[in-house]
Amino acid sequence: MPYNAQISKLKRARNQRRALLKLLAANMILHKKIHTTQTKAKSVRPFVERLISAAKKDSVASRRYAARFLPKKAVTVLHVIAAGYQERKGGYTRIVKTAPRRRDNTRMAFIEFV
């Protein structure tokens, strides 16, 4: 059992971390691809994949579930994206590592839909 498995706290309080994940997820859904740090990309990946899995059912409950976390426009785009993944069991996103950021040498990555 993975006792020590935890999500990165991203050096933020719980409410700030949740707000960051919601913002990253909304931007990823609206723009299909975002450029961010590897740690943030790894943190937002399970959140986005859970939203897509819920949206694949295309019910009122799934729309309300997505509306808890995303703005109205992102919810409609999410259901359009999820319709394309009906046959896929999981793994809707990919993380592609890029060159480090120049000013502080932070590892960067793109997170995008497959």
N, C-alpha and C. Protein backbone atom coordinates (compact mmCIF):
# COMPACT_ATOMS: atom_id res chain seq x y z
N MET A 1 0.84 -1.18 0.00
CA MET A 1 0.00 0.00 0.00
C MET A 1 0.89 1.24 0.00
N PRO A 2 0.55 2.23 -0.79
CA PRO A 2 1.37 3.43 -0.87
C PRO A 2 1.02 4.42 0.25
N TYR A 3 1.59 4.18 1.42
CA TYR A 3 1.25 5.01 2.57
C TYR A 3 1.74 6.44 2.41
N ASN A 4 2.88 6.62 1.79
CA ASN A 4 3.46 7.96 1.70
C ASN A 4 3.03 8.72 0.45
N ALA A 5 2.14 8.16 -0.35
CA ALA A 5 1.70 8.83 -1.57
C ALA A 5 0.82 10.01 -1.20
N GLN A 6 1.24 11.21 -1.60
CA GLN A 6 0.48 12.41 -1.33
C GLN A 6 0.53 13.31 -2.54
N ILE A 7 -0.42 14.19 -2.65
CA ILE A 7 -0.39 15.22 -3.67
C ILE A 7 0.55 16.31 -3.19
N SER A 8 1.29 16.91 -4.11
CA SER A 8 2.15 18.02 -3.75
C SER A 8 1.30 19.18 -3.23
N LYS A 9 1.73 19.80 -2.17
CA LYS A 9 0.97 20.89 -1.57
C LYS A 9 1.21 22.23 -2.26
N LEU A 10 2.18 22.28 -3.16
CA LEU A 10 2.45 23.46 -3.97
C LEU A 10 2.73 24.71 -3.14
N LYS A 11 3.18 24.53 -1.91
CA LYS A 11 3.53 25.63 -0.99
C LYS A 11 2.36 26.60 -0.81
N ARG A 12 1.15 26.05 -0.72
CA ARG A 12 -0.04 26.87 -0.57
C ARG A 12 -0.95 26.28 0.49
N ALA A 13 -1.81 27.14 1.02
CA ALA A 13 -2.84 26.68 1.94
C ALA A 13 -3.89 25.91 1.14
N ARG A 14 -4.73 25.17 1.83
CA ARG A 14 -5.70 24.30 1.17
C ARG A 14 -6.63 25.05 0.22
N ASN A 15 -7.17 26.18 0.66
CA ASN A 15 -8.10 26.93 -0.18
C ASN A 15 -7.40 27.55 -1.38
N GLN A 16 -6.16 27.99 -1.21
CA GLN A 16 -5.40 28.55 -2.32
C GLN A 16 -5.02 27.47 -3.32
N ARG A 17 -4.70 26.28 -2.82
CA ARG A 17 -4.35 25.15 -3.68
C ARG A 17 -5.55 24.71 -4.51
N ARG A 18 -6.72 24.65 -3.90
CA ARG A 18 -7.95 24.28 -4.62
C ARG A 18 -8.28 25.31 -5.69
N ALA A 19 -8.13 26.60 -5.35
CA ALA A 19 -8.41 27.66 -6.32
C ALA A 19 -7.44 27.57 -7.50
N LEU A 20 -6.18 27.27 -7.24
CA LEU A 20 -5.19 27.12 -8.30
C LEU A 20 -5.54 25.95 -9.21
N LEU A 21 -5.93 24.81 -8.63
CA LEU A 21 -6.29 23.64 -9.43
C LEU A 21 -7.53 23.91 -10.29
N LYS A 22 -8.51 24.61 -9.73
CA LYS A 22 -9.71 24.95 -10.50
C LYS A 22 -9.35 25.85 -11.68
N LEU A 23 -8.49 26.83 -11.44
CA LEU A 23 -8.09 27.75 -12.49
C LEU A 23 -7.30 27.03 -13.58
N LEU A 24 -6.35 26.19 -13.19
CA LEU A 24 -5.57 25.44 -14.17
C LEU A 24 -6.46 24.50 -14.98
N ALA A 25 -7.39 23.83 -14.32
CA ALA A 25 -8.29 22.92 -15.01
C ALA A 25 -9.18 23.66 -16.00
N ALA A 26 -9.72 24.80 -15.59
CA ALA A 26 -10.58 25.59 -16.49
C ALA A 26 -9.79 26.07 -17.70
N ASN A 27 -8.57 26.54 -17.49
CA ASN A 27 -7.76 27.01 -18.61
C ASN A 27 -7.37 25.86 -19.53
N MET A 28 -7.10 24.70 -18.95
CA MET A 28 -6.75 23.56 -19.78
C MET A 28 -7.94 23.13 -20.64
N ILE A 29 -9.12 23.13 -20.07
CA ILE A 29 -10.31 22.73 -20.82
C ILE A 29 -10.63 23.74 -21.92
N LEU A 30 -10.49 25.02 -21.63
CA LEU A 30 -10.81 26.04 -22.62
C LEU A 30 -9.77 26.13 -23.73
N HIS A 31 -8.48 25.94 -23.39
CA HIS A 31 -7.41 26.13 -24.37
C HIS A 31 -6.80 24.83 -24.88
N LYS A 32 -7.22 23.70 -24.33
CA LYS A 32 -6.77 22.36 -24.73
C LYS A 32 -5.32 22.05 -24.36
N LYS A 33 -4.54 23.03 -23.94
CA LYS A 33 -3.13 22.83 -23.65
C LYS A 33 -2.64 24.02 -22.82
N ILE A 34 -1.90 23.75 -21.75
CA ILE A 34 -1.33 24.85 -20.97
C ILE A 34 0.14 24.56 -20.68
N HIS A 35 0.90 25.61 -20.50
CA HIS A 35 2.32 25.52 -20.19
C HIS A 35 2.48 25.94 -18.73
N THR A 36 2.97 25.04 -17.90
CA THR A 36 3.07 25.29 -16.47
C THR A 36 4.25 24.51 -15.91
N THR A 37 4.45 24.55 -14.60
CA THR A 37 5.53 23.78 -14.00
C THR A 37 5.13 22.30 -13.96
N GLN A 38 6.12 21.43 -13.89
CA GLN A 38 5.85 19.99 -13.87
C GLN A 38 5.03 19.61 -12.65
N THR A 39 5.32 20.21 -11.51
CA THR A 39 4.61 19.87 -10.29
C THR A 39 3.14 20.24 -10.38
N LYS A 40 2.85 21.42 -10.92
CA LYS A 40 1.45 21.83 -11.09
C LYS A 40 0.75 20.95 -12.11
N ALA A 41 1.46 20.58 -13.17
CA ALA A 41 0.87 19.70 -14.18
C ALA A 41 0.53 18.34 -13.59
N LYS A 42 1.41 17.81 -12.76
CA LYS A 42 1.15 16.52 -12.13
C LYS A 42 0.01 16.61 -11.12
N SER A 43 -0.17 17.77 -10.52
CA SER A 43 -1.25 17.94 -9.55
C SER A 43 -2.61 18.10 -10.22
N VAL A 44 -2.64 18.78 -11.36
CA VAL A 44 -3.93 19.05 -12.01
C VAL A 44 -4.39 17.86 -12.85
N ARG A 45 -3.50 16.98 -13.23
CA ARG A 45 -3.86 15.85 -14.10
C ARG A 45 -4.98 14.98 -13.53
N PRO A 46 -4.90 14.46 -12.29
CA PRO A 46 -6.00 13.63 -11.79
C PRO A 46 -7.31 14.39 -11.65
N PHE A 47 -7.22 15.68 -11.35
CA PHE A 47 -8.41 16.51 -11.21
C PHE A 47 -9.15 16.60 -12.54
N VAL A 48 -8.42 16.88 -13.62
CA VAL A 48 -9.03 17.01 -14.95
C VAL A 48 -9.56 15.66 -15.43
N GLU A 49 -8.80 14.60 -15.19
CA GLU A 49 -9.24 13.28 -15.64
C GLU A 49 -10.51 12.84 -14.92
N ARG A 50 -10.66 13.18 -13.66
CA ARG A 50 -11.87 12.87 -12.93
C ARG A 50 -13.06 13.63 -13.50
N LEU A 51 -12.83 14.90 -13.87
CA LEU A 51 -13.90 15.70 -14.47
C LEU A 51 -14.34 15.12 -15.82
N ILE A 52 -13.39 14.66 -16.62
CA ILE A 52 -13.74 14.09 -17.92
C ILE A 52 -14.50 12.78 -17.73
N SER A 53 -14.05 11.95 -16.80
CA SER A 53 -14.75 10.69 -16.55
C SER A 53 -16.18 10.93 -16.13
N ALA A 54 -16.41 11.95 -15.32
CA ALA A 54 -17.77 12.27 -14.89
C ALA A 54 -18.58 12.82 -16.06
N ALA A 55 -17.94 13.64 -16.90
CA ALA A 55 -18.66 14.27 -18.01
C ALA A 55 -19.02 13.28 -19.11
N LYS A 56 -18.34 12.15 -19.18
CA LYS A 56 -18.66 11.15 -20.19
C LYS A 56 -20.07 10.60 -20.02
N LYS A 57 -20.61 10.64 -18.81
CA LYS A 57 -21.97 10.13 -18.57
C LYS A 57 -23.02 11.07 -19.16
N ASP A 58 -22.69 12.36 -19.30
CA ASP A 58 -23.56 13.37 -19.90
C ASP A 58 -24.96 13.39 -19.27
N SER A 59 -24.98 13.54 -17.96
CA SER A 59 -26.25 13.66 -17.24
C SER A 59 -26.30 15.02 -16.53
N VAL A 60 -27.43 15.31 -15.97
CA VAL A 60 -27.58 16.56 -15.22
C VAL A 60 -26.66 16.55 -14.01
N ALA A 61 -26.53 15.39 -13.39
CA ALA A 61 -25.66 15.27 -12.22
C ALA A 61 -24.20 15.53 -12.58
N SER A 62 -23.78 15.04 -13.75
CA SER A 62 -22.39 15.27 -14.15
C SER A 62 -22.15 16.74 -14.48
N ARG A 63 -23.14 17.42 -15.04
CA ARG A 63 -23.00 18.85 -15.31
C ARG A 63 -22.94 19.65 -14.01
N ARG A 64 -23.73 19.25 -13.04
CA ARG A 64 -23.69 19.94 -11.74
C ARG A 64 -22.38 19.68 -11.01
N TYR A 65 -21.86 18.46 -11.14
CA TYR A 65 -20.57 18.12 -10.54
C TYR A 65 -19.47 19.00 -11.14
N ALA A 66 -19.46 19.14 -12.45
CA ALA A 66 -18.45 19.97 -13.12
C ALA A 66 -18.64 21.44 -12.77
N ALA A 67 -19.89 21.87 -12.60
CA ALA A 67 -20.17 23.27 -12.28
C ALA A 67 -19.68 23.65 -10.89
N ARG A 68 -19.45 22.67 -10.04
CA ARG A 68 -18.89 22.96 -8.72
C ARG A 68 -17.47 23.50 -8.83
N PHE A 69 -16.76 23.12 -9.89
CA PHE A 69 -15.34 23.44 -10.01
C PHE A 69 -15.02 24.39 -11.15
N LEU A 70 -15.87 24.44 -12.16
CA LEU A 70 -15.54 25.17 -13.39
C LEU A 70 -16.56 26.25 -13.69
N PRO A 71 -16.15 27.29 -14.44
CA PRO A 71 -17.13 28.28 -14.90
C PRO A 71 -18.06 27.67 -15.95
N LYS A 72 -19.16 28.36 -16.23
CA LYS A 72 -20.21 27.83 -17.10
C LYS A 72 -19.71 27.49 -18.50
N LYS A 73 -18.87 28.36 -19.08
CA LYS A 73 -18.37 28.11 -20.43
C LYS A 73 -17.48 26.87 -20.46
N ALA A 74 -16.68 26.67 -19.43
CA ALA A 74 -15.79 25.51 -19.37
C ALA A 74 -16.59 24.22 -19.22
N VAL A 75 -17.73 24.26 -18.55
CA VAL A 75 -18.56 23.06 -18.39
C VAL A 75 -19.09 22.60 -19.73
N THR A 76 -19.55 23.54 -20.57
CA THR A 76 -20.06 23.16 -21.89
C THR A 76 -18.94 22.61 -22.77
N VAL A 77 -17.76 23.23 -22.71
CA VAL A 77 -16.63 22.75 -23.51
C VAL A 77 -16.18 21.37 -23.00
N LEU A 78 -16.22 21.17 -21.69
CA LEU A 78 -15.83 19.89 -21.11
C LEU A 78 -16.70 18.75 -21.64
N HIS A 79 -17.99 18.97 -21.76
CA HIS A 79 -18.87 17.91 -22.25
C HIS A 79 -18.66 17.63 -23.73
N VAL A 80 -18.25 18.64 -24.48
CA VAL A 80 -17.91 18.42 -25.89
C VAL A 80 -16.63 17.58 -25.99
N ILE A 81 -15.63 17.90 -25.16
CA ILE A 81 -14.37 17.15 -25.13
C ILE A 81 -14.63 15.71 -24.69
N ALA A 82 -15.44 15.54 -23.66
CA ALA A 82 -15.70 14.21 -23.10
C ALA A 82 -16.42 13.31 -24.10
N ALA A 83 -17.21 13.91 -24.99
CA ALA A 83 -17.90 13.10 -26.00
C ALA A 83 -16.91 12.40 -26.93
N GLY A 84 -15.76 12.98 -27.12
CA GLY A 84 -14.74 12.38 -27.97
C GLY A 84 -14.00 11.23 -27.30
N TYR A 85 -14.15 11.09 -26.00
CA TYR A 85 -13.44 10.05 -25.24
C TYR A 85 -14.37 8.93 -24.78
N GLN A 86 -15.50 8.74 -25.42
CA GLN A 86 -16.47 7.73 -24.99
C GLN A 86 -15.87 6.32 -24.99
N GLU A 87 -15.04 6.01 -25.96
CA GLU A 87 -14.47 4.66 -26.07
C GLU A 87 -13.23 4.48 -25.19
N ARG A 88 -12.64 5.56 -24.74
CA ARG A 88 -11.39 5.49 -23.99
C ARG A 88 -11.66 5.27 -22.51
N LYS A 89 -10.90 4.37 -21.87
CA LYS A 89 -11.12 4.02 -20.46
C LYS A 89 -10.46 5.01 -19.50
N GLY A 90 -9.45 5.70 -19.93
CA GLY A 90 -8.75 6.64 -19.07
C GLY A 90 -7.53 7.17 -19.79
N GLY A 91 -6.72 7.97 -19.10
CA GLY A 91 -5.53 8.52 -19.71
C GLY A 91 -5.86 9.55 -20.77
N TYR A 92 -6.61 10.58 -20.38
CA TYR A 92 -7.07 11.58 -21.32
C TYR A 92 -6.05 12.69 -21.52
N THR A 93 -5.06 12.79 -20.65
CA THR A 93 -4.09 13.87 -20.72
C THR A 93 -2.67 13.32 -20.85
N ARG A 94 -1.79 14.18 -21.33
CA ARG A 94 -0.36 13.84 -21.40
C ARG A 94 0.44 15.03 -20.90
N ILE A 95 1.55 14.74 -20.25
CA ILE A 95 2.47 15.76 -19.78
C ILE A 95 3.75 15.64 -20.60
N VAL A 96 4.12 16.73 -21.27
CA VAL A 96 5.33 16.77 -22.08
C VAL A 96 6.31 17.74 -21.42
N LYS A 97 7.47 17.24 -21.04
CA LYS A 97 8.46 18.07 -20.37
C LYS A 97 9.14 18.99 -21.38
N THR A 98 9.42 20.22 -20.95
CA THR A 98 10.10 21.19 -21.80
C THR A 98 11.34 21.71 -21.08
N ALA A 99 12.01 22.66 -21.70
CA ALA A 99 13.23 23.23 -21.12
C ALA A 99 12.90 23.98 -19.84
N PRO A 100 13.84 24.04 -18.90
CA PRO A 100 13.60 24.76 -17.65
C PRO A 100 13.40 26.26 -17.88
N ARG A 101 12.71 26.88 -16.97
CA ARG A 101 12.48 28.32 -17.03
C ARG A 101 13.81 29.04 -16.78
N ARG A 102 14.09 30.10 -17.53
CA ARG A 102 15.39 30.73 -17.46
C ARG A 102 15.67 31.43 -16.15
N ARG A 103 14.70 32.13 -15.60
CA ARG A 103 15.00 32.98 -14.45
C ARG A 103 15.26 32.20 -13.17
N ASP A 104 14.59 31.05 -12.97
CA ASP A 104 14.79 30.31 -11.73
C ASP A 104 15.06 28.82 -11.95
N ASN A 105 15.20 28.40 -13.21
CA ASN A 105 15.56 27.03 -13.55
C ASN A 105 14.53 25.99 -13.09
N THR A 106 13.27 26.41 -13.01
CA THR A 106 12.18 25.50 -12.63
C THR A 106 11.83 24.59 -13.80
N ARG A 107 11.60 23.32 -13.52
CA ARG A 107 11.21 22.37 -14.56
C ARG A 107 9.82 22.71 -15.06
N MET A 108 9.69 22.83 -16.38
CA MET A 108 8.43 23.23 -16.99
C MET A 108 7.88 22.08 -17.83
N ALA A 109 6.58 22.17 -18.13
CA ALA A 109 5.93 21.12 -18.91
C ALA A 109 4.67 21.66 -19.57
N PHE A 110 4.25 20.99 -20.64
CA PHE A 110 2.95 21.22 -21.24
C PHE A 110 2.05 20.10 -20.76
N ILE A 111 0.83 20.43 -20.42
CA ILE A 111 -0.18 19.40 -20.17
C ILE A 111 -1.27 19.61 -21.20
N GLU A 112 -1.64 18.54 -21.89
CA GLU A 112 -2.57 18.63 -23.00
C GLU A 112 -3.44 17.40 -23.07
N PHE A 113 -4.51 17.49 -23.83
CA PHE A 113 -5.38 16.35 -24.05
C PHE A 113 -4.76 15.45 -25.12
N VAL A 114 -4.95 14.15 -24.96
CA VAL A 114 -4.41 13.18 -25.92
C VAL A 114 -5.24 13.20 -27.18
